[in-house]
Amino acid sequence: MAFSNEEILAGLAELINDETGIAADVVALDKSFTDDLDIDSISMMTIVVNAEEKFDVKIPDEEVKNLKTVGDAVSFIAGAQA
């Protein structure tokens, strides 16, 4: 089952909240993981692994560095769904 962009955003917000304690309603498409949400590389990798499980997608390590904003991640996950 493919997730909509809204479902992906909500799911990512939940994963980010679980990992960092950042309120889910702060997580928006235009937020930078590092600059706005202050997520470090360790937390980011945990979020990526959890997102792979939640959305049943593979996010290659070399792709992770291209995911600068929450919107980048939503777009990638949406495109990677089987």
C-alpha atoms as a PDB file:
ATOM      1  CA  MET A   1       0.000   0.000   0.000  1.00  0.00           C
ATOM      2  CA  ALA A   2       1.432   3.348  -1.037  1.00  0.00           C
ATOM      3  CA  PHE A   3       1.431   6.164   1.477  1.00  0.00           C
ATOM      4  CA  SER A   4       0.339   9.678   0.543  1.00  0.00           C
ATOM      5  CA  ASN A   5       2.720  12.601   1.091  1.00  0.00           C
ATOM      6  CA  GLU A   6       0.584  13.662   4.062  1.00  0.00           C
ATOM      7  CA  GLU A   7       0.847  10.182   5.602  1.00  0.00           C
ATOM      8  CA  ILE A   8       4.598  10.125   5.009  1.00  0.00           C
ATOM      9  CA  LEU A   9       4.995  13.566   6.631  1.00  0.00           C
ATOM     10  CA  ALA A  10       2.905  12.496   9.631  1.00  0.00           C
ATOM     11  CA  GLY A  11       4.860   9.250   9.936  1.00  0.00           C
ATOM     12  CA  LEU A  12       8.211  11.026   9.738  1.00  0.00           C
ATOM     13  CA  ALA A  13       7.055  13.582  12.306  1.00  0.00           C
ATOM     14  CA  GLU A  14       6.167  10.697  14.624  1.00  0.00           C
ATOM     15  CA  LEU A  15       9.560   9.012  14.083  1.00  0.00           C
ATOM     16  CA  ILE A  16      11.400  12.314  14.644  1.00  0.00           C
ATOM     17  CA  ASN A  17       9.379  12.903  17.809  1.00  0.00           C
ATOM     18  CA  ASP A  18      10.180   9.392  19.095  1.00  0.00           C
ATOM     19  CA  GLU A  19      13.917   9.840  18.424  1.00  0.00           C
ATOM     20  CA  THR A  20      14.445  13.476  19.451  1.00  0.00           C
ATOM     21  CA  GLY A  21      11.428  14.627  21.441  1.00  0.00           C
ATOM     22  CA  ILE A  22      10.736  17.377  18.874  1.00  0.00           C
ATOM     23  CA  ALA A  23       6.991  18.019  18.765  1.00  0.00           C
ATOM     24  CA  ALA A  24       5.426  16.418  15.693  1.00  0.00           C
ATOM     25  CA  ASP A  25       3.574  19.630  14.800  1.00  0.00           C
ATOM     26  CA  VAL A  26       6.924  21.450  14.387  1.00  0.00           C
ATOM     27  CA  VAL A  27       8.008  19.020  11.653  1.00  0.00           C
ATOM     28  CA  ALA A  28       7.114  20.610   8.288  1.00  0.00           C
ATOM     29  CA  LEU A  29       8.172  20.041   4.679  1.00  0.00           C
ATOM     30  CA  ASP A  30      10.394  23.138   4.613  1.00  0.00           C
ATOM     31  CA  LYS A  31      12.270  22.309   7.835  1.00  0.00           C
ATOM     32  CA  SER A  32      15.956  21.421   7.537  1.00  0.00           C
ATOM     33  CA  PHE A  33      16.901  18.344   9.573  1.00  0.00           C
ATOM     34  CA  THR A  34      20.141  19.958  10.771  1.00  0.00           C
ATOM     35  CA  ASP A  35      19.461  23.704  10.781  1.00  0.00           C
ATOM     36  CA  ASP A  36      15.826  23.856  11.920  1.00  0.00           C
ATOM     37  CA  LEU A  37      15.335  20.598  13.806  1.00  0.00           C
ATOM     38  CA  ASP A  38      18.925  20.235  15.092  1.00  0.00           C
ATOM     39  CA  ILE A  39      19.034  16.499  14.321  1.00  0.00           C
ATOM     40  CA  ASP A  40      22.545  15.037  14.481  1.00  0.00           C
ATOM     41  CA  SER A  41      23.879  12.321  12.196  1.00  0.00           C
ATOM     42  CA  ILE A  42      23.347   9.527  14.731  1.00  0.00           C
ATOM     43  CA  SER A  43      19.696  10.432  15.277  1.00  0.00           C
ATOM     44  CA  MET A  44      19.272  10.890  11.526  1.00  0.00           C
ATOM     45  CA  MET A  45      20.479   7.339  10.852  1.00  0.00           C
ATOM     46  CA  THR A  46      18.049   5.981  13.454  1.00  0.00           C
ATOM     47  CA  ILE A  47      15.210   7.943  11.844  1.00  0.00           C
ATOM     48  CA  VAL A  48      16.230   6.630   8.398  1.00  0.00           C
ATOM     49  CA  VAL A  49      16.272   2.993   9.581  1.00  0.00           C
ATOM     50  CA  ASN A  50      12.891   3.417  11.283  1.00  0.00           C
ATOM     51  CA  ALA A  51      11.465   5.138   8.188  1.00  0.00           C
ATOM     52  CA  GLU A  52      12.671   2.260   6.002  1.00  0.00           C
ATOM     53  CA  GLU A  53      10.756  -0.150   8.227  1.00  0.00           C
ATOM     54  CA  LYS A  54       7.651   2.020   8.567  1.00  0.00           C
ATOM     55  CA  PHE A  55       7.295   2.802   4.851  1.00  0.00           C
ATOM     56  CA  ASP A  56       8.842  -0.418   3.475  1.00  0.00           C
ATOM     57  CA  VAL A  57      11.441   1.433   1.379  1.00  0.00           C
ATOM     58  CA  LYS A  58      15.233   1.315   1.086  1.00  0.00           C
ATOM     59  CA  ILE A  59      17.092   4.577   1.626  1.00  0.00           C
ATOM     60  CA  PRO A  60      20.710   4.031   0.509  1.00  0.00           C
ATOM     61  CA  ASP A  61      23.378   5.597   2.750  1.00  0.00           C
ATOM     62  CA  GLU A  62      24.612   7.752  -0.137  1.00  0.00           C
ATOM     63  CA  GLU A  63      21.055   9.146  -0.524  1.00  0.00           C
ATOM     64  CA  VAL A  64      20.766  10.183   3.118  1.00  0.00           C
ATOM     65  CA  LYS A  65      23.189  13.100   2.677  1.00  0.00           C
ATOM     66  CA  ASN A  66      20.890  14.489  -0.044  1.00  0.00           C
ATOM     67  CA  LEU A  67      17.923  14.569   2.325  1.00  0.00           C
ATOM     68  CA  LYS A  68      18.413  18.091   3.672  1.00  0.00           C
ATOM     69  CA  THR A  69      14.794  18.913   4.483  1.00  0.00           C
ATOM     70  CA  VAL A  70      11.765  17.001   5.655  1.00  0.00           C
ATOM     71  CA  GLY A  71      10.291  17.647   2.189  1.00  0.00           C
ATOM     72  CA  ASP A  72      13.312  15.961   0.560  1.00  0.00           C
ATOM     73  CA  ALA A  73      12.711  12.878   2.698  1.00  0.00           C
ATOM     74  CA  VAL A  74       8.960  12.838   1.955  1.00  0.00           C
ATOM     75  CA  SER A  75       9.653  13.099  -1.792  1.00  0.00           C
ATOM     76  CA  PHE A  76      12.277  10.369  -1.679  1.00  0.00           C
ATOM     77  CA  ILE A  77      10.070   7.978   0.282  1.00  0.00           C
ATOM     78  CA  ALA A  78       7.080   8.701  -1.969  1.00  0.00           C
ATOM     79  CA  GLY A  79       9.197   7.911  -5.038  1.00  0.00           C
ATOM     80  CA  ALA A  80      10.794   4.812  -3.515  1.00  0.00           C
ATOM     81  CA  GLN A  81       7.551   3.051  -2.643  1.00  0.00           C
ATOM     82  CA  ALA A  82       6.992  -0.169  -4.533  1.00  0.00           C
END
